[in-house]
Amino acid sequence: FYVFFLFCWQVAVLLCFCFCLAQGRRHKSSKEDDCFPMNEVEGNEKLVHHFVGKHVRWDRYPSVFLVQQLEENESDSRRKRRHHRHGCPVLRLQNVSASDYSQRSISPWRYRIDFDENRYPQKLAFAECLCSGCINVSTGKETSSMNSVVIEQTMMVLFRRPCAKNPKAYSFEVDYIKVPVGCTCVLPKM
Protein backbone atom coordinates (compact mmCIF):
# COMPACT_ATOMS: atom_id res chain seq x y z
CA PHE A 1 0.00 0.00 0.00
CA TYR A 2 2.85 2.40 0.84
CA VAL A 3 4.48 1.91 -2.61
CA PHE A 4 1.16 2.58 -4.35
CA PHE A 5 0.63 5.75 -2.28
CA LEU A 6 4.16 6.96 -3.07
CA PHE A 7 3.63 6.28 -6.80
CA CYS A 8 0.32 8.22 -6.81
CA TRP A 9 1.95 11.11 -4.96
CA GLN A 10 4.81 11.27 -7.52
CA VAL A 11 2.33 11.21 -10.43
CA ALA A 12 0.34 14.03 -8.80
CA VAL A 13 3.48 16.13 -8.32
CA LEU A 14 4.54 15.48 -11.93
CA LEU A 15 1.10 16.46 -13.27
CA CYS A 16 1.13 19.61 -11.15
CA PHE A 17 4.60 20.50 -12.48
CA CYS A 18 3.50 19.93 -16.11
CA PHE A 19 0.37 22.03 -15.55
CA CYS A 20 2.46 24.89 -14.14
CA LEU A 21 4.84 24.74 -17.12
CA ALA A 22 1.92 24.80 -19.57
CA GLN A 23 0.39 27.79 -17.80
CA GLY A 24 3.74 29.63 -17.92
CA ARG A 25 4.08 29.04 -21.67
CA ARG A 26 0.61 30.37 -22.35
CA HIS A 27 1.45 33.61 -20.57
CA LYS A 28 3.17 35.96 -23.01
CA SER A 29 6.18 37.94 -21.88
CA SER A 30 4.31 41.21 -21.84
CA LYS A 31 4.44 44.12 -19.48
CA GLU A 32 0.98 45.56 -20.08
CA ASP A 33 1.35 47.92 -17.14
CA ASP A 34 4.47 49.41 -18.76
CA CYS A 35 2.97 51.87 -21.23
CA PHE A 36 5.16 54.48 -22.87
CA PRO A 37 4.30 57.56 -24.96
CA MET A 38 5.54 57.41 -28.55
CA ASN A 39 8.22 60.08 -28.02
CA GLU A 40 9.87 57.83 -25.40
CA VAL A 41 9.73 54.76 -27.65
CA GLU A 42 11.60 55.96 -30.77
CA GLY A 43 15.28 54.99 -30.68
CA ASN A 44 15.31 54.29 -26.96
CA GLU A 45 17.81 51.44 -26.44
CA LYS A 46 17.31 51.52 -22.65
CA LEU A 47 13.63 50.84 -23.16
CA VAL A 48 14.43 47.84 -25.39
CA HIS A 49 16.81 46.47 -22.74
CA HIS A 50 14.04 46.91 -20.17
CA PHE A 51 11.98 44.28 -22.02
CA VAL A 52 14.62 41.85 -23.28
CA GLY A 53 17.64 42.38 -21.06
CA LYS A 54 21.10 43.71 -21.86
CA HIS A 55 22.41 40.36 -23.11
CA VAL A 56 20.33 40.45 -26.31
CA ARG A 57 22.35 41.74 -29.26
CA TRP A 58 20.28 41.85 -32.42
CA ASP A 59 23.24 43.12 -34.43
CA ARG A 60 24.75 39.61 -34.17
CA TYR A 61 21.92 38.11 -36.23
CA PRO A 62 22.62 37.97 -39.99
CA SER A 63 19.00 38.99 -40.60
CA VAL A 64 19.78 42.29 -38.87
CA PHE A 65 23.32 43.16 -40.00
CA LEU A 66 22.59 42.26 -43.66
CA VAL A 67 19.93 44.99 -43.89
CA GLN A 68 22.46 47.82 -44.20
CA GLN A 69 24.35 45.95 -46.92
CA LEU A 70 21.10 45.24 -48.80
CA GLU A 71 20.08 48.89 -48.60
CA GLU A 72 23.51 50.00 -49.91
CA ASN A 73 23.35 47.47 -52.76
CA GLU A 74 19.83 48.61 -53.60
CA SER A 75 20.89 52.26 -53.81
CA ASP A 76 23.98 51.29 -55.90
CA SER A 77 21.88 49.30 -58.35
CA ARG A 78 19.42 52.20 -58.66
CA ARG A 79 22.30 54.52 -59.52
CA LYS A 80 23.73 52.10 -62.05
CA ARG A 81 20.28 51.10 -63.36
CA ARG A 82 21.18 47.42 -63.34
CA HIS A 83 18.43 44.84 -63.49
CA HIS A 84 19.07 41.47 -61.92
CA ARG A 85 17.27 38.35 -63.01
CA HIS A 86 15.37 36.94 -60.03
CA GLY A 87 14.62 33.51 -61.51
CA CYS A 88 16.62 30.34 -61.04
CA PRO A 89 20.16 31.09 -62.30
CA VAL A 90 22.43 28.86 -64.37
CA LEU A 91 25.42 27.80 -62.25
CA ARG A 92 28.74 28.46 -63.97
CA LEU A 93 31.70 26.74 -62.34
CA GLN A 94 34.14 29.51 -63.30
CA ASN A 95 32.13 32.03 -61.25
CA VAL A 96 31.82 30.06 -58.01
CA SER A 97 35.16 31.05 -56.47
CA ALA A 98 34.24 34.74 -56.19
CA SER A 99 30.58 34.39 -55.20
CA ASP A 100 29.07 34.17 -51.74
CA TYR A 101 27.20 31.14 -50.40
CA SER A 102 23.83 32.30 -51.67
CA GLN A 103 25.11 32.25 -55.26
CA ARG A 104 27.34 29.15 -55.00
CA SER A 105 24.60 26.98 -53.51
CA ILE A 106 22.77 24.39 -55.61
CA SER A 107 19.72 25.94 -53.95
CA PRO A 108 20.53 29.65 -54.50
CA TRP A 109 18.70 32.44 -52.71
CA ARG A 110 18.51 36.20 -52.48
CA TYR A 111 17.57 38.49 -49.63
CA ARG A 112 14.78 41.01 -49.38
CA ILE A 113 14.11 43.47 -46.59
CA ASP A 114 11.02 42.70 -44.52
CA PHE A 115 9.67 45.80 -42.74
CA ASP A 116 7.20 45.87 -39.85
CA GLU A 117 6.74 49.22 -38.12
CA ASN A 118 5.41 47.52 -34.98
CA ARG A 119 8.36 45.13 -34.63
CA TYR A 120 11.79 45.75 -33.16
CA PRO A 121 14.01 45.38 -35.13
CA GLN A 122 11.75 46.88 -37.79
CA LYS A 123 13.86 45.71 -40.73
CA LEU A 124 15.05 42.14 -41.21
CA ALA A 125 16.69 40.40 -44.17
CA PHE A 126 14.54 37.46 -45.30
CA ALA A 127 15.95 34.82 -47.67
CA GLU A 128 13.93 33.76 -50.71
CA CYS A 129 14.79 30.67 -52.75
CA LEU A 130 15.42 31.45 -56.42
CA CYS A 131 14.58 27.93 -57.63
CA SER A 132 11.76 25.53 -56.87
CA GLY A 133 14.08 22.63 -57.70
CA CYS A 134 17.86 22.45 -57.24
CA ILE A 135 20.73 23.02 -59.65
CA ASN A 136 22.36 19.95 -61.15
CA VAL A 137 26.12 20.34 -60.68
CA SER A 138 26.90 18.54 -63.98
CA THR A 139 24.72 20.74 -66.19
CA GLY A 140 24.47 23.90 -64.08
CA LYS A 141 20.70 23.94 -64.72
CA GLU A 142 17.71 23.43 -62.46
CA THR A 143 16.39 19.93 -61.95
CA SER A 144 13.15 18.88 -60.27
CA SER A 145 14.65 15.74 -58.72
CA MET A 146 15.22 17.80 -55.53
CA ASN A 147 13.30 20.69 -53.93
CA SER A 148 14.64 24.01 -52.64
CA VAL A 149 13.34 24.92 -49.18
CA VAL A 150 14.13 27.80 -46.84
CA ILE A 151 16.16 27.33 -43.67
CA GLU A 152 14.65 29.25 -40.76
CA GLN A 153 16.18 30.65 -37.60
CA THR A 154 14.05 31.41 -34.56
CA MET A 155 14.60 34.97 -33.44
CA MET A 156 13.33 36.93 -30.46
CA VAL A 157 11.71 40.25 -31.38
CA LEU A 158 9.58 42.89 -29.68
CA PHE A 159 6.15 43.86 -30.94
CA ARG A 160 4.72 47.27 -30.12
CA ARG A 161 1.07 47.19 -29.05
CA PRO A 162 -1.27 50.09 -28.22
CA CYS A 163 -2.05 50.20 -24.50
CA ALA A 164 -5.61 49.44 -23.49
CA LYS A 165 -5.56 52.29 -20.97
CA ASN A 166 -4.08 54.90 -23.32
CA PRO A 167 -4.23 54.35 -27.11
CA LYS A 168 -1.53 57.04 -27.63
CA ALA A 169 0.95 54.98 -25.58
CA TYR A 170 2.52 51.61 -26.30
CA SER A 171 3.53 48.50 -24.48
CA PHE A 172 5.89 45.84 -25.82
CA GLU A 173 5.51 42.11 -26.08
CA VAL A 174 8.39 39.68 -26.50
CA ASP A 175 7.71 37.14 -29.23
CA TYR A 176 9.64 34.61 -31.30
CA ILE A 177 9.43 34.53 -35.08
CA LYS A 178 10.93 32.27 -37.72
CA VAL A 179 13.24 34.18 -40.05
CA PRO A 180 14.25 32.58 -43.38
CA VAL A 181 18.07 32.80 -43.51
CA GLY A 182 19.00 30.64 -46.52
CA CYS A 183 17.92 27.74 -48.72
CA THR A 184 18.87 24.11 -49.04
CA CYS A 185 17.97 21.09 -51.15
CA VAL A 186 15.79 18.26 -49.91
CA LEU A 187 14.32 15.13 -51.44
CA PRO A 188 10.74 15.69 -52.64
CA LYS A 189 7.95 14.32 -50.45
CA MET A 190 6.51 11.09 -51.80
C-alpha atoms as a PDB file:
ATOM      1  CA  PHE A   1       0.000   0.000   0.000  1.00  0.00           C
ATOM      2  CA  TYR A   2       2.848   2.401   0.842  1.00  0.00           C
ATOM      3  CA  VAL A   3       4.479   1.912  -2.612  1.00  0.00           C
ATOM      4  CA  PHE A   4       1.156   2.581  -4.354  1.00  0.00           C
ATOM      5  CA  PHE A   5       0.632   5.749  -2.277  1.00  0.00           C
ATOM      6  CA  LEU A   6       4.164   6.960  -3.074  1.00  0.00           C
ATOM      7  CA  PHE A   7       3.626   6.276  -6.798  1.00  0.00           C
ATOM      8  CA  CYS A   8       0.324   8.216  -6.809  1.00  0.00           C
ATOM      9  CA  TRP A   9       1.955  11.106  -4.964  1.00  0.00           C
ATOM     10  CA  GLN A  10       4.809  11.265  -7.524  1.00  0.00           C
ATOM     11  CA  VAL A  11       2.334  11.211 -10.426  1.00  0.00           C
ATOM     12  CA  ALA A  12       0.337  14.026  -8.801  1.00  0.00           C
ATOM     13  CA  VAL A  13       3.482  16.130  -8.317  1.00  0.00           C
ATOM     14  CA  LEU A  14       4.541  15.479 -11.932  1.00  0.00           C
ATOM     15  CA  LEU A  15       1.103  16.462 -13.269  1.00  0.00           C
ATOM     16  CA  CYS A  16       1.130  19.610 -11.148  1.00  0.00           C
ATOM     17  CA  PHE A  17       4.599  20.498 -12.481  1.00  0.00           C
ATOM     18  CA  CYS A  18       3.502  19.931 -16.110  1.00  0.00           C
ATOM     19  CA  PHE A  19       0.368  22.035 -15.549  1.00  0.00           C
ATOM     20  CA  CYS A  20       2.463  24.894 -14.136  1.00  0.00           C
ATOM     21  CA  LEU A  21       4.840  24.737 -17.119  1.00  0.00           C
ATOM     22  CA  ALA A  22       1.920  24.796 -19.572  1.00  0.00           C
ATOM     23  CA  GLN A  23       0.393  27.793 -17.797  1.00  0.00           C
ATOM     24  CA  GLY A  24       3.735  29.626 -17.923  1.00  0.00           C
ATOM     25  CA  ARG A  25       4.080  29.037 -21.674  1.00  0.00           C
ATOM     26  CA  ARG A  26       0.615  30.374 -22.354  1.00  0.00           C
ATOM     27  CA  HIS A  27       1.454  33.614 -20.574  1.00  0.00           C
ATOM     28  CA  LYS A  28       3.169  35.965 -23.010  1.00  0.00           C
ATOM     29  CA  SER A  29       6.182  37.937 -21.882  1.00  0.00           C
ATOM     30  CA  SER A  30       4.306  41.211 -21.840  1.00  0.00           C
ATOM     31  CA  LYS A  31       4.439  44.117 -19.476  1.00  0.00           C
ATOM     32  CA  GLU A  32       0.977  45.556 -20.084  1.00  0.00           C
ATOM     33  CA  ASP A  33       1.346  47.917 -17.144  1.00  0.00           C
ATOM     34  CA  ASP A  34       4.472  49.410 -18.764  1.00  0.00           C
ATOM     35  CA  CYS A  35       2.975  51.873 -21.228  1.00  0.00           C
ATOM     36  CA  PHE A  36       5.164  54.485 -22.870  1.00  0.00           C
ATOM     37  CA  PRO A  37       4.300  57.563 -24.960  1.00  0.00           C
ATOM     38  CA  MET A  38       5.539  57.406 -28.552  1.00  0.00           C
ATOM     39  CA  ASN A  39       8.219  60.079 -28.022  1.00  0.00           C
ATOM     40  CA  GLU A  40       9.869  57.831 -25.397  1.00  0.00           C
ATOM     41  CA  VAL A  41       9.728  54.762 -27.651  1.00  0.00           C
ATOM     42  CA  GLU A  42      11.597  55.955 -30.766  1.00  0.00           C
ATOM     43  CA  GLY A  43      15.280  54.987 -30.684  1.00  0.00           C
ATOM     44  CA  ASN A  44      15.312  54.294 -26.956  1.00  0.00           C
ATOM     45  CA  GLU A  45      17.807  51.436 -26.444  1.00  0.00           C
ATOM     46  CA  LYS A  46      17.312  51.523 -22.654  1.00  0.00           C
ATOM     47  CA  LEU A  47      13.630  50.837 -23.164  1.00  0.00           C
ATOM     48  CA  VAL A  48      14.426  47.844 -25.392  1.00  0.00           C
ATOM     49  CA  HIS A  49      16.807  46.469 -22.737  1.00  0.00           C
ATOM     50  CA  HIS A  50      14.038  46.909 -20.169  1.00  0.00           C
ATOM     51  CA  PHE A  51      11.982  44.285 -22.016  1.00  0.00           C
ATOM     52  CA  VAL A  52      14.619  41.849 -23.281  1.00  0.00           C
ATOM     53  CA  GLY A  53      17.644  42.384 -21.055  1.00  0.00           C
ATOM     54  CA  LYS A  54      21.097  43.706 -21.863  1.00  0.00           C
ATOM     55  CA  HIS A  55      22.407  40.357 -23.106  1.00  0.00           C
ATOM     56  CA  VAL A  56      20.330  40.446 -26.307  1.00  0.00           C
ATOM     57  CA  ARG A  57      22.353  41.743 -29.257  1.00  0.00           C
ATOM     58  CA  TRP A  58      20.280  41.853 -32.417  1.00  0.00           C
ATOM     59  CA  ASP A  59      23.241  43.118 -34.429  1.00  0.00           C
ATOM     60  CA  ARG A  60      24.748  39.611 -34.169  1.00  0.00           C
ATOM     61  CA  TYR A  61      21.920  38.112 -36.233  1.00  0.00           C
ATOM     62  CA  PRO A  62      22.622  37.969 -39.986  1.00  0.00           C
ATOM     63  CA  SER A  63      19.002  38.985 -40.598  1.00  0.00           C
ATOM     64  CA  VAL A  64      19.783  42.294 -38.873  1.00  0.00           C
ATOM     65  CA  PHE A  65      23.319  43.155 -40.003  1.00  0.00           C
ATOM     66  CA  LEU A  66      22.588  42.258 -43.661  1.00  0.00           C
ATOM     67  CA  VAL A  67      19.925  44.990 -43.886  1.00  0.00           C
ATOM     68  CA  GLN A  68      22.460  47.817 -44.201  1.00  0.00           C
ATOM     69  CA  GLN A  69      24.355  45.945 -46.921  1.00  0.00           C
ATOM     70  CA  LEU A  70      21.105  45.243 -48.804  1.00  0.00           C
ATOM     71  CA  GLU A  71      20.084  48.893 -48.599  1.00  0.00           C
ATOM     72  CA  GLU A  72      23.511  49.997 -49.914  1.00  0.00           C
ATOM     73  CA  ASN A  73      23.350  47.468 -52.761  1.00  0.00           C
ATOM     74  CA  GLU A  74      19.828  48.615 -53.596  1.00  0.00           C
ATOM     75  CA  SER A  75      20.893  52.260 -53.809  1.00  0.00           C
ATOM     76  CA  ASP A  76      23.976  51.290 -55.902  1.00  0.00           C
ATOM     77  CA  SER A  77      21.881  49.305 -58.348  1.00  0.00           C
ATOM     78  CA  ARG A  78      19.418  52.198 -58.664  1.00  0.00           C
ATOM     79  CA  ARG A  79      22.296  54.523 -59.519  1.00  0.00           C
ATOM     80  CA  LYS A  80      23.731  52.096 -62.052  1.00  0.00           C
ATOM     81  CA  ARG A  81      20.285  51.104 -63.357  1.00  0.00           C
ATOM     82  CA  ARG A  82      21.178  47.417 -63.342  1.00  0.00           C
ATOM     83  CA  HIS A  83      18.428  44.845 -63.488  1.00  0.00           C
ATOM     84  CA  HIS A  84      19.072  41.466 -61.920  1.00  0.00           C
ATOM     85  CA  ARG A  85      17.271  38.354 -63.008  1.00  0.00           C
ATOM     86  CA  HIS A  86      15.367  36.943 -60.034  1.00  0.00           C
ATOM     87  CA  GLY A  87      14.622  33.508 -61.514  1.00  0.00           C
ATOM     88  CA  CYS A  88      16.618  30.336 -61.041  1.00  0.00           C
ATOM     89  CA  PRO A  89      20.156  31.088 -62.297  1.00  0.00           C
ATOM     90  CA  VAL A  90      22.430  28.862 -64.365  1.00  0.00           C
ATOM     91  CA  LEU A  91      25.418  27.803 -62.253  1.00  0.00           C
ATOM     92  CA  ARG A  92      28.743  28.463 -63.971  1.00  0.00           C
ATOM     93  CA  LEU A  93      31.699  26.735 -62.339  1.00  0.00           C
ATOM     94  CA  GLN A  94      34.141  29.508 -63.298  1.00  0.00           C
ATOM     95  CA  ASN A  95      32.128  32.032 -61.249  1.00  0.00           C
ATOM     96  CA  VAL A  96      31.822  30.063 -58.006  1.00  0.00           C
ATOM     97  CA  SER A  97      35.159  31.050 -56.468  1.00  0.00           C
ATOM     98  CA  ALA A  98      34.241  34.740 -56.188  1.00  0.00           C
ATOM     99  CA  SER A  99      30.578  34.387 -55.202  1.00  0.00           C
ATOM    100  CA  ASP A 100      29.071  34.173 -51.743  1.00  0.00           C
ATOM    101  CA  TYR A 101      27.200  31.136 -50.396  1.00  0.00           C
ATOM    102  CA  SER A 102      23.834  32.299 -51.668  1.00  0.00           C
ATOM    103  CA  GLN A 103      25.107  32.253 -55.261  1.00  0.00           C
ATOM    104  CA  ARG A 104      27.342  29.152 -54.997  1.00  0.00           C
ATOM    105  CA  SER A 105      24.598  26.982 -53.514  1.00  0.00           C
ATOM    106  CA  ILE A 106      22.766  24.388 -55.612  1.00  0.00           C
ATOM    107  CA  SER A 107      19.718  25.939 -53.947  1.00  0.00           C
ATOM    108  CA  PRO A 108      20.533  29.651 -54.498  1.00  0.00           C
ATOM    109  CA  TRP A 109      18.705  32.441 -52.709  1.00  0.00           C
ATOM    110  CA  ARG A 110      18.511  36.204 -52.482  1.00  0.00           C
ATOM    111  CA  TYR A 111      17.572  38.489 -49.632  1.00  0.00           C
ATOM    112  CA  ARG A 112      14.775  41.011 -49.383  1.00  0.00           C
ATOM    113  CA  ILE A 113      14.106  43.469 -46.593  1.00  0.00           C
ATOM    114  CA  ASP A 114      11.024  42.704 -44.522  1.00  0.00           C
ATOM    115  CA  PHE A 115       9.672  45.797 -42.744  1.00  0.00           C
ATOM    116  CA  ASP A 116       7.200  45.871 -39.853  1.00  0.00           C
ATOM    117  CA  GLU A 117       6.745  49.222 -38.115  1.00  0.00           C
ATOM    118  CA  ASN A 118       5.411  47.517 -34.977  1.00  0.00           C
ATOM    119  CA  ARG A 119       8.361  45.132 -34.626  1.00  0.00           C
ATOM    120  CA  TYR A 120      11.794  45.746 -33.160  1.00  0.00           C
ATOM    121  CA  PRO A 121      14.012  45.375 -35.130  1.00  0.00           C
ATOM    122  CA  GLN A 122      11.749  46.881 -37.789  1.00  0.00           C
ATOM    123  CA  LYS A 123      13.860  45.714 -40.733  1.00  0.00           C
ATOM    124  CA  LEU A 124      15.048  42.140 -41.209  1.00  0.00           C
ATOM    125  CA  ALA A 125      16.691  40.400 -44.172  1.00  0.00           C
ATOM    126  CA  PHE A 126      14.540  37.464 -45.298  1.00  0.00           C
ATOM    127  CA  ALA A 127      15.954  34.820 -47.667  1.00  0.00           C
ATOM    128  CA  GLU A 128      13.933  33.762 -50.713  1.00  0.00           C
ATOM    129  CA  CYS A 129      14.792  30.670 -52.748  1.00  0.00           C
ATOM    130  CA  LEU A 130      15.417  31.448 -56.422  1.00  0.00           C
ATOM    131  CA  CYS A 131      14.583  27.929 -57.625  1.00  0.00           C
ATOM    132  CA  SER A 132      11.758  25.533 -56.872  1.00  0.00           C
ATOM    133  CA  GLY A 133      14.082  22.633 -57.698  1.00  0.00           C
ATOM    134  CA  CYS A 134      17.859  22.455 -57.245  1.00  0.00           C
ATOM    135  CA  ILE A 135      20.727  23.025 -59.647  1.00  0.00           C
ATOM    136  CA  ASN A 136      22.357  19.950 -61.151  1.00  0.00           C
ATOM    137  CA  VAL A 137      26.117  20.344 -60.682  1.00  0.00           C
ATOM    138  CA  SER A 138      26.900  18.537 -63.976  1.00  0.00           C
ATOM    139  CA  THR A 139      24.720  20.737 -66.186  1.00  0.00           C
ATOM    140  CA  GLY A 140      24.467  23.895 -64.075  1.00  0.00           C
ATOM    141  CA  LYS A 141      20.705  23.938 -64.722  1.00  0.00           C
ATOM    142  CA  GLU A 142      17.715  23.433 -62.464  1.00  0.00           C
ATOM    143  CA  THR A 143      16.389  19.928 -61.945  1.00  0.00           C
ATOM    144  CA  SER A 144      13.145  18.882 -60.273  1.00  0.00           C
ATOM    145  CA  SER A 145      14.652  15.743 -58.717  1.00  0.00           C
ATOM    146  CA  MET A 146      15.215  17.798 -55.525  1.00  0.00           C
ATOM    147  CA  ASN A 147      13.297  20.694 -53.931  1.00  0.00           C
ATOM    148  CA  SER A 148      14.636  24.008 -52.637  1.00  0.00           C
ATOM    149  CA  VAL A 149      13.341  24.924 -49.180  1.00  0.00           C
ATOM    150  CA  VAL A 150      14.133  27.798 -46.835  1.00  0.00           C
ATOM    151  CA  ILE A 151      16.163  27.331 -43.672  1.00  0.00           C
ATOM    152  CA  GLU A 152      14.654  29.249 -40.763  1.00  0.00           C
ATOM    153  CA  GLN A 153      16.176  30.652 -37.602  1.00  0.00           C
ATOM    154  CA  THR A 154      14.055  31.412 -34.563  1.00  0.00           C
ATOM    155  CA  MET A 155      14.604  34.974 -33.436  1.00  0.00           C
ATOM    156  CA  MET A 156      13.332  36.930 -30.457  1.00  0.00           C
ATOM    157  CA  VAL A 157      11.714  40.250 -31.378  1.00  0.00           C
ATOM    158  CA  LEU A 158       9.579  42.888 -29.678  1.00  0.00           C
ATOM    159  CA  PHE A 159       6.147  43.858 -30.938  1.00  0.00           C
ATOM    160  CA  ARG A 160       4.725  47.268 -30.116  1.00  0.00           C
ATOM    161  CA  ARG A 161       1.066  47.188 -29.047  1.00  0.00           C
ATOM    162  CA  PRO A 162      -1.272  50.087 -28.216  1.00  0.00           C
ATOM    163  CA  CYS A 163      -2.049  50.201 -24.501  1.00  0.00           C
ATOM    164  CA  ALA A 164      -5.608  49.443 -23.491  1.00  0.00           C
ATOM    165  CA  LYS A 165      -5.560  52.290 -20.969  1.00  0.00           C
ATOM    166  CA  ASN A 166      -4.076  54.902 -23.319  1.00  0.00           C
ATOM    167  CA  PRO A 167      -4.226  54.352 -27.113  1.00  0.00           C
ATOM    168  CA  LYS A 168      -1.526  57.037 -27.629  1.00  0.00           C
ATOM    169  CA  ALA A 169       0.948  54.985 -25.575  1.00  0.00           C
ATOM    170  CA  TYR A 170       2.516  51.615 -26.304  1.00  0.00           C
ATOM    171  CA  SER A 171       3.534  48.496 -24.477  1.00  0.00           C
ATOM    172  CA  PHE A 172       5.891  45.837 -25.818  1.00  0.00           C
ATOM    173  CA  GLU A 173       5.513  42.107 -26.078  1.00  0.00           C
ATOM    174  CA  VAL A 174       8.393  39.676 -26.502  1.00  0.00           C
ATOM    175  CA  ASP A 175       7.714  37.135 -29.234  1.00  0.00           C
ATOM    176  CA  TYR A 176       9.643  34.607 -31.302  1.00  0.00           C
ATOM    177  CA  ILE A 177       9.427  34.531 -35.084  1.00  0.00           C
ATOM    178  CA  LYS A 178      10.931  32.269 -37.719  1.00  0.00           C
ATOM    179  CA  VAL A 179      13.237  34.179 -40.052  1.00  0.00           C
ATOM    180  CA  PRO A 180      14.251  32.582 -43.384  1.00  0.00           C
ATOM    181  CA  VAL A 181      18.066  32.805 -43.511  1.00  0.00           C
ATOM    182  CA  GLY A 182      18.996  30.642 -46.518  1.00  0.00           C
ATOM    183  CA  CYS A 183      17.915  27.740 -48.722  1.00  0.00           C
ATOM    184  CA  THR A 184      18.872  24.106 -49.041  1.00  0.00           C
ATOM    185  CA  CYS A 185      17.967  21.092 -51.147  1.00  0.00           C
ATOM    186  CA  VAL A 186      15.787  18.258 -49.911  1.00  0.00           C
ATOM    187  CA  LEU A 187      14.316  15.134 -51.435  1.00  0.00           C
ATOM    188  CA  PRO A 188      10.735  15.692 -52.638  1.00  0.00           C
ATOM    189  CA  LYS A 189       7.946  14.322 -50.451  1.00  0.00           C
ATOM    190  CA  MET A 190       6.512  11.088 -51.797  1.00  0.00           C
END
